[in-house]
Amino acid sequence: MFSWRLKIIPEQVMLRIMCTGNGLILEINDLKVAIDRVNFGSYDFHFITHAHTDHLPRQIRGKLITSQETNELIKVRNKGVRENLHEVSFLEPVNSGHILGSRALLVKENKLLYTSDVNPRDRLFMKGFKPIQVDTLIIEGTYGKKNFVFGETGKLIDEILSYTFKLLSEGRNIVALGYSLGKGQILTRLFSWCSDLIVDNEVAHFNEVYERFGVYLGKYLRYTEASREGLFKERSWVFVTHREGLAKRIAKQYEAKIIRFTGWVCQSRNKRQSREIYGFPLSDHADFYDLVNIVRETQPSRVYIAYGFSNELAAYLRELGFDAHLLPRNQKIEL
C-alpha cells in the first residue's frame, strides 16, 4: 500500500465534478481523480468503488485507490491482472454496503460524498452504509422511483425461506437467479442450509474471494461437479446461477422453479413474472425510501443524482426542501 499526501487548506479548495456516464471526474484544485468507468485521459488517481463490470474501466488511468477486496475481485475478472494500491490523505473510502469491498468516496473536511451504488441495510454478512453529514452529496438513483419499495429485510428473508421450504416439500427443485457477484454470495449463504446446494462456476469463483476475506458461505457444489455427478437428476436441490438461459433450461429439464432475486421485480404489479418464474426484491441497492433517508441523514446543502431514476428522485427531494438536481453528463460543475 502506497501513501500519498497533499497539504490542503480547506478555504482554498476548489472542487469540480463531471459525469461521464458510469464514471466521474473529480478535480481538487489541480489534482484530477477518475472515478469508476472513465475510459479516456490520464489522471493522478483512479478510484474504483466496486468490482461490478458496469463500474470498471477498460484500464486503470492513474494510481489506483480501491479496497483490497475490490482489487482481488478485479483480479478474478481480469484473469490475474492486479494493481498496486494507493492511499490519499484527504480522500477517504467508506463502506457503501453494496457488495464485498464496495466503497463510497468522502472528500475530507466533509465537503463531498459520492456514494456510487449504495445500500444502508444490514443483511446476512453485509453491513450497510452509514450516512455522513456533508456539504455536497452525489448519490445513485437506480431505484429512485416510489414503486421500488422492498420492505423490511428480515421479513423479506422469512418470506423467501417460507416459499422455498414449501416448494421443496412439494418435491420441486429451485433455481435461484441473481447477479454472480454480490447477489450470488448472499444467495449462497441464504441457502446454505440445503444439503444439495449447487452454485454456478462464476459464482463459486467470487465465493472464494469472499471466503478469503473471512465471509463463511457454507458448503456447496460447483455446477460442473454437480453435472458430472448427476446431482440434477435427484430431488431437493437449490441451484444459484446468474445465467437466465441456463436457468430456464435447467428448470425445464428438471421441473424446477425459477426464483428471481432483484429489486426490478417491483416494476410489476405483483412479484410473479410468469407461470414458472417468481421474484423477490432482495437487492444490493437501496430502495426508494432508503435513498431518501440517506439524503435526510447526510443533511447536504446540495444533492446531485448521478444515474438511475434521477429526475424522479430529484423532484421528490425538492418537494422535501432539498436543493436536488440531476448530475448532467459531460458538463463540469463547480462545487
C-alpha atoms as a PDB file:
ATOM      1  CA  MET A   1       0.000   0.000   0.000  1.00  0.00           C
ATOM      2  CA  PHE A   2       1.426   3.365  -1.045  1.00  0.00           C
ATOM      3  CA  SER A   3       0.530   6.597   0.781  1.00  0.00           C
ATOM      4  CA  TRP A   4       0.345   9.995  -0.906  1.00  0.00           C
ATOM      5  CA  ARG A   5      -0.199  13.247   0.974  1.00  0.00           C
ATOM      6  CA  LEU A   6      -1.084  16.766  -0.115  1.00  0.00           C
ATOM      7  CA  LYS A   7      -1.386  19.709   2.230  1.00  0.00           C
ATOM      8  CA  ILE A   8      -4.753  21.312   1.582  1.00  0.00           C
ATOM      9  CA  ILE A   9      -6.071  24.411   3.323  1.00  0.00           C
ATOM     10  CA  PRO A  10      -9.880  23.955   3.288  1.00  0.00           C
ATOM     11  CA  GLU A  11     -10.638  27.597   2.441  1.00  0.00           C
ATOM     12  CA  GLN A  12      -8.526  27.266  -0.705  1.00  0.00           C
ATOM     13  CA  VAL A  13     -10.018  24.034  -2.000  1.00  0.00           C
ATOM     14  CA  MET A  14     -11.710  24.231  -5.400  1.00  0.00           C
ATOM     15  CA  LEU A  15     -13.861  21.189  -6.244  1.00  0.00           C
ATOM     16  CA  ARG A  16     -15.197  20.392  -9.711  1.00  0.00           C
ATOM     17  CA  ILE A  17     -17.053  17.288 -10.857  1.00  0.00           C
ATOM     18  CA  MET A  18     -18.079  15.952 -14.249  1.00  0.00           C
ATOM     19  CA  CYS A  19     -20.221  12.893 -15.008  1.00  0.00           C
ATOM     20  CA  THR A  20     -19.095  10.777 -17.963  1.00  0.00           C
ATOM     21  CA  GLY A  21     -21.796   8.108 -17.925  1.00  0.00           C
ATOM     22  CA  ASN A  22     -20.851   5.352 -15.482  1.00  0.00           C
ATOM     23  CA  GLY A  23     -17.857   7.344 -14.280  1.00  0.00           C
ATOM     24  CA  LEU A  24     -16.988  10.704 -12.747  1.00  0.00           C
ATOM     25  CA  ILE A  25     -14.023  13.033 -12.979  1.00  0.00           C
ATOM     26  CA  LEU A  26     -13.238  14.893  -9.750  1.00  0.00           C
ATOM     27  CA  GLU A  27     -10.885  17.877  -9.681  1.00  0.00           C
ATOM     28  CA  ILE A  28      -9.489  19.067  -6.358  1.00  0.00           C
ATOM     29  CA  ASN A  29      -7.530  22.217  -7.164  1.00  0.00           C
ATOM     30  CA  ASP A  30      -5.055  20.928  -9.796  1.00  0.00           C
ATOM     31  CA  LEU A  31      -5.400  17.276  -8.779  1.00  0.00           C
ATOM     32  CA  LYS A  32      -7.516  15.056 -11.059  1.00  0.00           C
ATOM     33  CA  VAL A  33      -9.223  11.859  -9.916  1.00  0.00           C
ATOM     34  CA  ALA A  34     -11.070   9.490 -12.244  1.00  0.00           C
ATOM     35  CA  ILE A  35     -13.863   7.517 -10.576  1.00  0.00           C
ATOM     36  CA  ASP A  36     -15.071   4.158 -11.895  1.00  0.00           C
ATOM     37  CA  ARG A  37     -15.717   3.746 -15.620  1.00  0.00           C
ATOM     38  CA  VAL A  38     -13.676   6.576 -17.128  1.00  0.00           C
ATOM     39  CA  ASN A  39     -12.152   5.294 -20.370  1.00  0.00           C
ATOM     40  CA  PHE A  40     -10.198   8.296 -21.601  1.00  0.00           C
ATOM     41  CA  GLY A  41      -7.468  10.646 -20.410  1.00  0.00           C
ATOM     42  CA  SER A  42      -4.780  10.370 -17.762  1.00  0.00           C
ATOM     43  CA  TYR A  43      -5.296  11.200 -14.060  1.00  0.00           C
ATOM     44  CA  ASP A  44      -3.348  11.480 -10.842  1.00  0.00           C
ATOM     45  CA  PHE A  45      -5.535   8.786  -9.273  1.00  0.00           C
ATOM     46  CA  HIS A  46      -8.244   6.351 -10.323  1.00  0.00           C
ATOM     47  CA  PHE A  47     -10.768   5.424  -7.641  1.00  0.00           C
ATOM     48  CA  ILE A  48     -12.786   2.228  -8.196  1.00  0.00           C
ATOM     49  CA  THR A  49     -15.858   1.990  -5.972  1.00  0.00           C
ATOM     50  CA  HIS A  50     -16.519  -1.740  -6.509  1.00  0.00           C
ATOM     51  CA  ALA A  51     -15.978  -4.630  -8.901  1.00  0.00           C
ATOM     52  CA  HIS A  52     -19.217  -4.785 -10.899  1.00  0.00           C
ATOM     53  CA  THR A  53     -18.436  -4.606 -14.610  1.00  0.00           C
ATOM     54  CA  ASP A  54     -20.596  -1.545 -15.277  1.00  0.00           C
ATOM     55  CA  HIS A  55     -18.270   0.426 -12.984  1.00  0.00           C
ATOM     56  CA  LEU A  56     -14.935  -0.950 -14.189  1.00  0.00           C
ATOM     57  CA  PRO A  57     -12.871   0.903 -16.811  1.00  0.00           C
ATOM     58  CA  ARG A  58     -11.101  -0.900 -19.640  1.00  0.00           C
ATOM     59  CA  GLN A  59      -7.834   0.111 -17.986  1.00  0.00           C
ATOM     60  CA  ILE A  60      -6.712   1.945 -14.832  1.00  0.00           C
ATOM     61  CA  ARG A  61      -5.794   5.543 -15.768  1.00  0.00           C
ATOM     62  CA  GLY A  62      -3.974   6.714 -12.630  1.00  0.00           C
ATOM     63  CA  LYS A  63      -2.640   5.451  -9.322  1.00  0.00           C
ATOM     64  CA  LEU A  64      -5.285   3.042  -8.081  1.00  0.00           C
ATOM     65  CA  ILE A  65      -7.367   3.768  -4.978  1.00  0.00           C
ATOM     66  CA  THR A  66      -9.723   0.970  -4.003  1.00  0.00           C
ATOM     67  CA  SER A  67     -10.252  -1.616  -1.273  1.00  0.00           C
ATOM     68  CA  GLN A  68      -8.164  -4.780  -1.059  1.00  0.00           C
ATOM     69  CA  GLU A  69     -11.342  -6.810  -1.561  1.00  0.00           C
ATOM     70  CA  THR A  70     -12.209  -4.958  -4.764  1.00  0.00           C
ATOM     71  CA  ASN A  71      -8.659  -5.371  -6.030  1.00  0.00           C
ATOM     72  CA  GLU A  72      -8.924  -9.145  -5.537  1.00  0.00           C
ATOM     73  CA  LEU A  73     -12.343  -9.282  -7.248  1.00  0.00           C
ATOM     74  CA  ILE A  74     -10.964  -7.288 -10.181  1.00  0.00           C
ATOM     75  CA  LYS A  75      -8.127  -9.811 -10.336  1.00  0.00           C
ATOM     76  CA  VAL A  76     -10.716 -12.605 -10.788  1.00  0.00           C
ATOM     77  CA  ARG A  77     -12.439 -10.671 -13.578  1.00  0.00           C
ATOM     78  CA  ASN A  78      -9.171  -9.726 -15.320  1.00  0.00           C
ATOM     79  CA  LYS A  79      -7.613 -13.202 -15.062  1.00  0.00           C
ATOM     80  CA  GLY A  80      -4.780 -12.289 -12.747  1.00  0.00           C
ATOM     81  CA  VAL A  81      -4.145  -8.632 -13.587  1.00  0.00           C
ATOM     82  CA  ARG A  82      -3.655  -6.752 -10.348  1.00  0.00           C
ATOM     83  CA  GLU A  83      -2.649  -3.186  -9.453  1.00  0.00           C
ATOM     84  CA  ASN A  84      -0.695  -1.640  -6.578  1.00  0.00           C
ATOM     85  CA  LEU A  85      -2.979   0.231  -4.178  1.00  0.00           C
ATOM     86  CA  HIS A  86      -2.516   3.815  -3.013  1.00  0.00           C
ATOM     87  CA  GLU A  87      -3.915   5.945  -0.185  1.00  0.00           C
ATOM     88  CA  VAL A  88      -4.521   9.686  -0.304  1.00  0.00           C
ATOM     89  CA  SER A  89      -4.771  11.568   2.973  1.00  0.00           C
ATOM     90  CA  PHE A  90      -7.744  13.749   2.011  1.00  0.00           C
ATOM     91  CA  LEU A  91      -9.754  11.081   0.121  1.00  0.00           C
ATOM     92  CA  GLU A  92     -11.420   8.576   2.438  1.00  0.00           C
ATOM     93  CA  PRO A  93     -13.080   5.410   1.101  1.00  0.00           C
ATOM     94  CA  VAL A  94     -16.036   4.447   3.329  1.00  0.00           C
ATOM     95  CA  ASN A  95     -18.209   1.329   3.277  1.00  0.00           C
ATOM     96  CA  SER A  96     -21.133   1.733   0.853  1.00  0.00           C
ATOM     97  CA  GLY A  97     -22.864  -1.530   1.861  1.00  0.00           C
ATOM     98  CA  HIS A  98     -23.323  -2.687  -1.753  1.00  0.00           C
ATOM     99  CA  ILE A  99     -21.047  -5.755  -2.142  1.00  0.00           C
ATOM    100  CA  LEU A 100     -17.809  -7.017  -0.590  1.00  0.00           C
ATOM    101  CA  GLY A 101     -15.239  -4.211  -0.639  1.00  0.00           C
ATOM    102  CA  SER A 102     -17.566  -1.568  -2.089  1.00  0.00           C
ATOM    103  CA  ARG A 103     -16.655   1.963  -1.080  1.00  0.00           C
ATOM    104  CA  ALA A 104     -18.178   5.418  -1.285  1.00  0.00           C
ATOM    105  CA  LEU A 105     -15.712   8.307  -1.615  1.00  0.00           C
ATOM    106  CA  LEU A 106     -15.554  11.044   1.029  1.00  0.00           C
ATOM    107  CA  VAL A 107     -13.511  14.189   0.406  1.00  0.00           C
ATOM    108  CA  LYS A 108     -12.098  15.156   3.793  1.00  0.00           C
ATOM    109  CA  GLU A 109     -13.489  18.119   5.713  1.00  0.00           C
ATOM    110  CA  ASN A 110     -16.811  16.507   4.649  1.00  0.00           C
ATOM    111  CA  LYS A 111     -17.017  18.680   1.586  1.00  0.00           C
ATOM    112  CA  LEU A 112     -18.233  15.947  -0.783  1.00  0.00           C
ATOM    113  CA  LEU A 113     -19.526  12.372  -0.634  1.00  0.00           C
ATOM    114  CA  TYR A 114     -20.069  10.186  -3.695  1.00  0.00           C
ATOM    115  CA  THR A 115     -21.995   7.039  -2.777  1.00  0.00           C
ATOM    116  CA  SER A 116     -21.814   5.111  -6.055  1.00  0.00           C
ATOM    117  CA  ASP A 117     -24.047   2.008  -5.651  1.00  0.00           C
ATOM    118  CA  VAL A 118     -25.194   2.070  -2.045  1.00  0.00           C
ATOM    119  CA  ASN A 119     -27.237   0.063   0.447  1.00  0.00           C
ATOM    120  CA  PRO A 120     -27.844   1.140   4.070  1.00  0.00           C
ATOM    121  CA  ARG A 121     -29.336  -2.217   5.102  1.00  0.00           C
ATOM    122  CA  ASP A 122     -27.542  -4.858   7.122  1.00  0.00           C
ATOM    123  CA  ARG A 123     -28.235  -8.246   5.514  1.00  0.00           C
ATOM    124  CA  LEU A 124     -26.715 -11.567   6.495  1.00  0.00           C
ATOM    125  CA  PHE A 125     -22.931 -10.914   6.492  1.00  0.00           C
ATOM    126  CA  MET A 126     -23.127  -7.484   4.787  1.00  0.00           C
ATOM    127  CA  LYS A 127     -23.027  -4.268   6.829  1.00  0.00           C
ATOM    128  CA  GLY A 128     -24.988  -1.362   5.431  1.00  0.00           C
ATOM    129  CA  PHE A 129     -23.804   2.140   4.601  1.00  0.00           C
ATOM    130  CA  LYS A 130     -23.786   4.632   7.492  1.00  0.00           C
ATOM    131  CA  PRO A 131     -24.681   8.189   6.364  1.00  0.00           C
ATOM    132  CA  ILE A 132     -22.182  11.009   6.953  1.00  0.00           C
ATOM    133  CA  GLN A 133     -23.130  14.681   7.115  1.00  0.00           C
ATOM    134  CA  VAL A 134     -21.574  16.511   4.132  1.00  0.00           C
ATOM    135  CA  ASP A 135     -21.816  19.758   2.195  1.00  0.00           C
ATOM    136  CA  THR A 136     -22.482  18.118  -1.183  1.00  0.00           C
ATOM    137  CA  LEU A 137     -23.901  14.643  -1.774  1.00  0.00           C
ATOM    138  CA  ILE A 138     -23.737  12.768  -5.073  1.00  0.00           C
ATOM    139  CA  ILE A 139     -25.956   9.709  -4.832  1.00  0.00           C
ATOM    140  CA  GLU A 140     -27.175   6.960  -7.137  1.00  0.00           C
ATOM    141  CA  GLY A 141     -30.817   6.673  -8.217  1.00  0.00           C
ATOM    142  CA  THR A 142     -31.056   3.093  -9.522  1.00  0.00           C
ATOM    143  CA  TYR A 143     -34.343   2.555  -7.687  1.00  0.00           C
ATOM    144  CA  GLY A 144     -35.249   6.226  -7.426  1.00  0.00           C
ATOM    145  CA  LYS A 145     -38.992   5.821  -8.096  1.00  0.00           C
ATOM    146  CA  LYS A 146     -41.700   5.376  -5.493  1.00  0.00           C
ATOM    147  CA  ASN A 147     -42.745   1.920  -6.689  1.00  0.00           C
ATOM    148  CA  PHE A 148     -39.362   0.480  -5.689  1.00  0.00           C
ATOM    149  CA  VAL A 149     -40.088  -0.438  -2.060  1.00  0.00           C
ATOM    150  CA  PHE A 150     -38.513  -3.664  -0.801  1.00  0.00           C
ATOM    151  CA  GLY A 151     -39.987  -3.930   2.682  1.00  0.00           C
ATOM    152  CA  GLU A 152     -38.182  -4.874   5.885  1.00  0.00           C
ATOM    153  CA  THR A 153     -35.222  -7.160   5.152  1.00  0.00           C
ATOM    154  CA  GLY A 154     -35.877  -9.680   7.939  1.00  0.00           C
ATOM    155  CA  LYS A 155     -39.493 -10.173   6.861  1.00  0.00           C
ATOM    156  CA  LEU A 156     -38.435 -10.494   3.231  1.00  0.00           C
ATOM    157  CA  ILE A 157     -35.944 -13.244   4.105  1.00  0.00           C
ATOM    158  CA  ASP A 158     -38.617 -15.030   6.159  1.00  0.00           C
ATOM    159  CA  GLU A 159     -40.943 -14.862   3.149  1.00  0.00           C
ATOM    160  CA  ILE A 160     -38.230 -16.247   0.857  1.00  0.00           C
ATOM    161  CA  LEU A 161     -37.455 -19.137   3.185  1.00  0.00           C
ATOM    162  CA  SER A 162     -41.124 -19.963   3.714  1.00  0.00           C
ATOM    163  CA  TYR A 163     -41.727 -20.079  -0.034  1.00  0.00           C
ATOM    164  CA  THR A 164     -38.638 -22.195  -0.772  1.00  0.00           C
ATOM    165  CA  PHE A 165     -39.412 -24.662   2.052  1.00  0.00           C
ATOM    166  CA  LYS A 166     -42.895 -25.066   0.580  1.00  0.00           C
ATOM    167  CA  LEU A 167     -41.551 -25.790  -2.893  1.00  0.00           C
ATOM    168  CA  LEU A 168     -39.003 -28.307  -1.670  1.00  0.00           C
ATOM    169  CA  SER A 169     -41.608 -30.080   0.486  1.00  0.00           C
ATOM    170  CA  GLU A 170     -43.734 -30.447  -2.661  1.00  0.00           C
ATOM    171  CA  GLY A 171     -40.830 -32.133  -4.449  1.00  0.00           C
ATOM    172  CA  ARG A 172     -39.880 -29.119  -6.568  1.00  0.00           C
ATOM    173  CA  ASN A 173     -36.299 -28.021  -7.155  1.00  0.00           C
ATOM    174  CA  ILE A 174     -35.252 -24.367  -7.104  1.00  0.00           C
ATOM    175  CA  VAL A 175     -33.156 -22.225  -9.427  1.00  0.00           C
ATOM    176  CA  ALA A 176     -32.147 -19.018  -7.630  1.00  0.00           C
ATOM    177  CA  LEU A 177     -31.392 -16.367 -10.260  1.00  0.00           C
ATOM    178  CA  GLY A 178     -29.260 -13.326  -9.379  1.00  0.00           C
ATOM    179  CA  TYR A 179     -26.046 -11.486 -10.263  1.00  0.00           C
ATOM    180  CA  SER A 180     -22.905 -13.601  -9.902  1.00  0.00           C
ATOM    181  CA  LEU A 181     -21.075 -11.017  -7.756  1.00  0.00           C
ATOM    182  CA  GLY A 182     -22.806  -9.727  -4.633  1.00  0.00           C
ATOM    183  CA  LYS A 183     -26.196 -11.396  -5.016  1.00  0.00           C
ATOM    184  CA  GLY A 184     -24.616 -14.777  -5.730  1.00  0.00           C
ATOM    185  CA  GLN A 185     -22.847 -14.748  -2.373  1.00  0.00           C
ATOM    186  CA  ILE A 186     -25.950 -13.597  -0.484  1.00  0.00           C
ATOM    187  CA  LEU A 187     -27.899 -16.456  -2.096  1.00  0.00           C
ATOM    188  CA  THR A 188     -25.152 -18.985  -1.357  1.00  0.00           C
ATOM    189  CA  ARG A 189     -25.303 -18.046   2.323  1.00  0.00           C
ATOM    190  CA  LEU A 190     -29.108 -17.789   2.362  1.00  0.00           C
ATOM    191  CA  PHE A 191     -29.492 -21.350   1.049  1.00  0.00           C
ATOM    192  CA  SER A 192     -26.513 -22.845   2.902  1.00  0.00           C
ATOM    193  CA  TRP A 193     -28.937 -24.989   4.932  1.00  0.00           C
ATOM    194  CA  CYS A 194     -29.731 -27.018   1.783  1.00  0.00           C
ATOM    195  CA  SER A 195     -27.752 -30.278   1.744  1.00  0.00           C
ATOM    196  CA  ASP A 196     -27.616 -30.206  -2.061  1.00  0.00           C
ATOM    197  CA  LEU A 197     -26.718 -26.594  -2.805  1.00  0.00           C
ATOM    198  CA  ILE A 198     -25.217 -26.035  -6.261  1.00  0.00           C
ATOM    199  CA  VAL A 199     -23.661 -22.773  -7.443  1.00  0.00           C
ATOM    200  CA  ASP A 200     -22.645 -21.732 -10.928  1.00  0.00           C
ATOM    201  CA  ASN A 201     -18.899 -21.732 -11.576  1.00  0.00           C
ATOM    202  CA  GLU A 202     -18.559 -17.936 -11.792  1.00  0.00           C
ATOM    203  CA  VAL A 203     -20.484 -17.538  -8.535  1.00  0.00           C
ATOM    204  CA  ALA A 204     -18.063 -20.035  -6.950  1.00  0.00           C
ATOM    205  CA  HIS A 205     -15.036 -18.029  -8.138  1.00  0.00           C
ATOM    206  CA  PHE A 206     -16.355 -14.943  -6.350  1.00  0.00           C
ATOM    207  CA  ASN A 207     -17.362 -17.036  -3.325  1.00  0.00           C
ATOM    208  CA  GLU A 208     -13.705 -17.982  -2.901  1.00  0.00           C
ATOM    209  CA  VAL A 209     -12.687 -14.316  -2.682  1.00  0.00           C
ATOM    210  CA  TYR A 210     -15.376 -13.643  -0.055  1.00  0.00           C
ATOM    211  CA  GLU A 211     -14.173 -16.616   1.955  1.00  0.00           C
ATOM    212  CA  ARG A 212     -10.542 -15.444   1.788  1.00  0.00           C
ATOM    213  CA  PHE A 213     -11.723 -12.254   3.467  1.00  0.00           C
ATOM    214  CA  GLY A 214     -13.432 -14.148   6.283  1.00  0.00           C
ATOM    215  CA  VAL A 215     -17.006 -14.458   4.964  1.00  0.00           C
ATOM    216  CA  TYR A 216     -18.235 -18.002   5.600  1.00  0.00           C
ATOM    217  CA  LEU A 217     -20.759 -19.041   2.951  1.00  0.00           C
ATOM    218  CA  GLY A 218     -21.293 -22.701   3.837  1.00  0.00           C
ATOM    219  CA  LYS A 219     -20.861 -25.878   1.791  1.00  0.00           C
ATOM    220  CA  TYR A 220     -21.848 -26.182  -1.862  1.00  0.00           C
ATOM    221  CA  LEU A 221     -21.013 -27.957  -5.108  1.00  0.00           C
ATOM    222  CA  ARG A 222     -19.924 -26.212  -8.292  1.00  0.00           C
ATOM    223  CA  TYR A 223     -22.164 -26.571 -11.336  1.00  0.00           C
ATOM    224  CA  THR A 224     -19.599 -28.652 -13.250  1.00  0.00           C
ATOM    225  CA  GLU A 225     -19.187 -31.057 -10.314  1.00  0.00           C
ATOM    226  CA  ALA A 226     -22.947 -31.405  -9.813  1.00  0.00           C
ATOM    227  CA  SER A 227     -23.472 -32.074 -13.527  1.00  0.00           C
ATOM    228  CA  ARG A 228     -20.699 -34.674 -13.600  1.00  0.00           C
ATOM    229  CA  GLU A 229     -22.106 -36.458 -10.530  1.00  0.00           C
ATOM    230  CA  GLY A 230     -25.684 -36.422 -11.842  1.00  0.00           C
ATOM    231  CA  LEU A 231     -26.991 -34.411  -8.889  1.00  0.00           C
ATOM    232  CA  PHE A 232     -29.533 -32.539 -11.010  1.00  0.00           C
ATOM    233  CA  LYS A 233     -31.395 -35.818 -11.564  1.00  0.00           C
ATOM    234  CA  GLU A 234     -32.087 -36.010  -7.823  1.00  0.00           C
ATOM    235  CA  ARG A 235     -34.717 -34.103  -5.828  1.00  0.00           C
ATOM    236  CA  SER A 236     -34.444 -31.285  -3.276  1.00  0.00           C
ATOM    237  CA  TRP A 237     -31.619 -29.181  -4.678  1.00  0.00           C
ATOM    238  CA  VAL A 238     -31.132 -25.428  -4.971  1.00  0.00           C
ATOM    239  CA  PHE A 239     -29.066 -24.060  -7.871  1.00  0.00           C
ATOM    240  CA  VAL A 240     -27.678 -20.495  -7.693  1.00  0.00           C
ATOM    241  CA  THR A 241     -26.892 -19.003 -11.098  1.00  0.00           C
ATOM    242  CA  HIS A 242     -26.620 -15.657 -12.904  1.00  0.00           C
ATOM    243  CA  ARG A 243     -27.343 -17.105 -16.359  1.00  0.00           C
ATOM    244  CA  GLU A 244     -31.016 -16.789 -17.302  1.00  0.00           C
ATOM    245  CA  GLY A 245     -30.732 -19.061 -20.336  1.00  0.00           C
ATOM    246  CA  LEU A 246     -29.190 -21.830 -18.261  1.00  0.00           C
ATOM    247  CA  ALA A 247     -31.753 -21.246 -15.508  1.00  0.00           C
ATOM    248  CA  LYS A 248     -34.624 -21.778 -17.945  1.00  0.00           C
ATOM    249  CA  ARG A 249     -33.025 -24.880 -19.470  1.00  0.00           C
ATOM    250  CA  ILE A 250     -32.367 -26.484 -16.060  1.00  0.00           C
ATOM    251  CA  ALA A 251     -35.861 -25.573 -14.841  1.00  0.00           C
ATOM    252  CA  LYS A 252     -37.500 -27.147 -17.883  1.00  0.00           C
ATOM    253  CA  GLN A 253     -35.373 -30.270 -17.818  1.00  0.00           C
ATOM    254  CA  TYR A 254     -35.722 -30.974 -14.089  1.00  0.00           C
ATOM    255  CA  GLU A 255     -39.117 -29.434 -13.218  1.00  0.00           C
ATOM    256  CA  ALA A 256     -37.549 -26.697 -11.123  1.00  0.00           C
ATOM    257  CA  LYS A 257     -38.992 -23.358 -10.099  1.00  0.00           C
ATOM    258  CA  ILE A 258     -37.020 -20.227 -11.034  1.00  0.00           C
ATOM    259  CA  ILE A 259     -36.922 -17.515  -8.390  1.00  0.00           C
ATOM    260  CA  ARG A 260     -35.520 -14.157  -9.473  1.00  0.00           C
ATOM    261  CA  PHE A 261     -33.823 -12.030  -6.788  1.00  0.00           C
ATOM    262  CA  THR A 262     -33.691  -8.370  -7.803  1.00  0.00           C
ATOM    263  CA  GLY A 263     -35.260  -5.036  -6.969  1.00  0.00           C
ATOM    264  CA  TRP A 264     -36.600  -4.872 -10.520  1.00  0.00           C
ATOM    265  CA  VAL A 265     -39.452  -7.249  -9.631  1.00  0.00           C
ATOM    266  CA  CYS A 266     -41.109  -4.190  -8.059  1.00  0.00           C
ATOM    267  CA  GLN A 267     -41.848  -2.931 -11.571  1.00  0.00           C
ATOM    268  CA  SER A 268     -44.646  -5.480 -11.917  1.00  0.00           C
ATOM    269  CA  ARG A 269     -47.903  -5.175 -10.024  1.00  0.00           C
ATOM    270  CA  ASN A 270     -47.122  -8.356  -8.155  1.00  0.00           C
ATOM    271  CA  LYS A 271     -43.923 -10.363  -7.821  1.00  0.00           C
ATOM    272  CA  ARG A 272     -44.924 -13.136 -10.232  1.00  0.00           C
ATOM    273  CA  GLN A 273     -43.239 -12.635 -13.613  1.00  0.00           C
ATOM    274  CA  SER A 274     -44.616 -15.695 -15.399  1.00  0.00           C
ATOM    275  CA  ARG A 275     -46.017 -19.097 -14.554  1.00  0.00           C
ATOM    276  CA  GLU A 276     -42.558 -20.554 -13.920  1.00  0.00           C
ATOM    277  CA  ILE A 277     -40.619 -17.517 -12.676  1.00  0.00           C
ATOM    278  CA  TYR A 278     -41.241 -15.877  -9.306  1.00  0.00           C
ATOM    279  CA  GLY A 279     -39.364 -12.963  -7.804  1.00  0.00           C
ATOM    280  CA  PHE A 280     -38.379 -11.279  -4.545  1.00  0.00           C
ATOM    281  CA  PRO A 281     -36.940  -7.745  -4.204  1.00  0.00           C
ATOM    282  CA  LEU A 282     -33.773  -8.877  -2.423  1.00  0.00           C
ATOM    283  CA  SER A 283     -31.336  -6.240  -3.636  1.00  0.00           C
ATOM    284  CA  ASP A 284     -27.797  -4.987  -3.077  1.00  0.00           C
ATOM    285  CA  HIS A 285     -29.072  -1.457  -3.763  1.00  0.00           C
ATOM    286  CA  ALA A 286     -31.081   0.982  -1.657  1.00  0.00           C
ATOM    287  CA  ASP A 287     -34.808   1.162  -2.395  1.00  0.00           C
ATOM    288  CA  PHE A 288     -36.570   4.492  -2.955  1.00  0.00           C
ATOM    289  CA  TYR A 289     -37.108   5.372   0.692  1.00  0.00           C
ATOM    290  CA  ASP A 290     -33.624   4.160   1.631  1.00  0.00           C
ATOM    291  CA  LEU A 291     -32.233   6.738  -0.814  1.00  0.00           C
ATOM    292  CA  VAL A 292     -34.462   9.455   0.622  1.00  0.00           C
ATOM    293  CA  ASN A 293     -33.404   8.588   4.179  1.00  0.00           C
ATOM    294  CA  ILE A 294     -29.715   8.688   3.208  1.00  0.00           C
ATOM    295  CA  VAL A 295     -30.234  12.230   1.923  1.00  0.00           C
ATOM    296  CA  ARG A 296     -32.083  13.219   5.092  1.00  0.00           C
ATOM    297  CA  GLU A 297     -29.325  11.859   7.321  1.00  0.00           C
ATOM    298  CA  THR A 298     -26.435  13.370   5.369  1.00  0.00           C
ATOM    299  CA  GLN A 299     -28.139  16.818   5.538  1.00  0.00           C
ATOM    300  CA  PRO A 300     -26.376  18.159   2.426  1.00  0.00           C
ATOM    301  CA  SER A 301     -26.608  21.725   1.147  1.00  0.00           C
ATOM    302  CA  ARG A 302     -26.759  20.297  -2.382  1.00  0.00           C
ATOM    303  CA  VAL A 303     -27.694  16.899  -3.794  1.00  0.00           C
ATOM    304  CA  TYR A 304     -26.882  15.518  -7.226  1.00  0.00           C
ATOM    305  CA  ILE A 305     -28.285  12.220  -8.538  1.00  0.00           C
ATOM    306  CA  ALA A 306     -25.696  10.570 -10.754  1.00  0.00           C
ATOM    307  CA  TYR A 307     -27.691   7.856 -12.565  1.00  0.00           C
ATOM    308  CA  GLY A 308     -30.850   5.759 -12.456  1.00  0.00           C
ATOM    309  CA  PHE A 309     -34.246   7.424 -11.992  1.00  0.00           C
ATOM    310  CA  SER A 310     -32.502  10.738 -11.417  1.00  0.00           C
ATOM    311  CA  ASN A 311     -35.257  13.163 -12.394  1.00  0.00           C
ATOM    312  CA  GLU A 312     -37.902  11.383 -10.330  1.00  0.00           C
ATOM    313  CA  LEU A 313     -35.731  11.210  -7.220  1.00  0.00           C
ATOM    314  CA  ALA A 314     -34.539  14.816  -7.578  1.00  0.00           C
ATOM    315  CA  ALA A 315     -38.120  16.069  -7.943  1.00  0.00           C
ATOM    316  CA  TYR A 316     -39.214  14.229  -4.785  1.00  0.00           C
ATOM    317  CA  LEU A 317     -36.243  15.556  -2.824  1.00  0.00           C
ATOM    318  CA  ARG A 318     -37.043  19.115  -3.921  1.00  0.00           C
ATOM    319  CA  GLU A 319     -40.562  18.634  -2.550  1.00  0.00           C
ATOM    320  CA  LEU A 320     -38.884  17.857   0.781  1.00  0.00           C
ATOM    321  CA  GLY A 321     -36.918  21.089   0.599  1.00  0.00           C
ATOM    322  CA  PHE A 322     -33.557  19.830  -0.672  1.00  0.00           C
ATOM    323  CA  ASP A 323     -31.568  21.564  -3.394  1.00  0.00           C
ATOM    324  CA  ALA A 324     -31.556  18.434  -5.582  1.00  0.00           C
ATOM    325  CA  HIS A 325     -30.688  18.047  -9.263  1.00  0.00           C
ATOM    326  CA  LEU A 326     -29.774  15.541 -11.916  1.00  0.00           C
ATOM    327  CA  LEU A 327     -25.996  15.416 -12.401  1.00  0.00           C
ATOM    328  CA  PRO A 328     -25.646  16.374 -16.085  1.00  0.00           C
ATOM    329  CA  ARG A 329     -23.453  14.354 -18.440  1.00  0.00           C
ATOM    330  CA  ASN A 330     -20.183  15.780 -19.795  1.00  0.00           C
ATOM    331  CA  GLN A 331     -20.638  19.120 -18.057  1.00  0.00           C
ATOM    332  CA  LYS A 332     -18.177  20.326 -15.429  1.00  0.00           C
ATOM    333  CA  ILE A 333     -19.821  21.591 -12.233  1.00  0.00           C
ATOM    334  CA  GLU A 334     -18.085  23.685  -9.625  1.00  0.00           C
ATOM    335  CA  LEU A 335     -18.969  22.625  -6.082  1.00  0.00           C
END
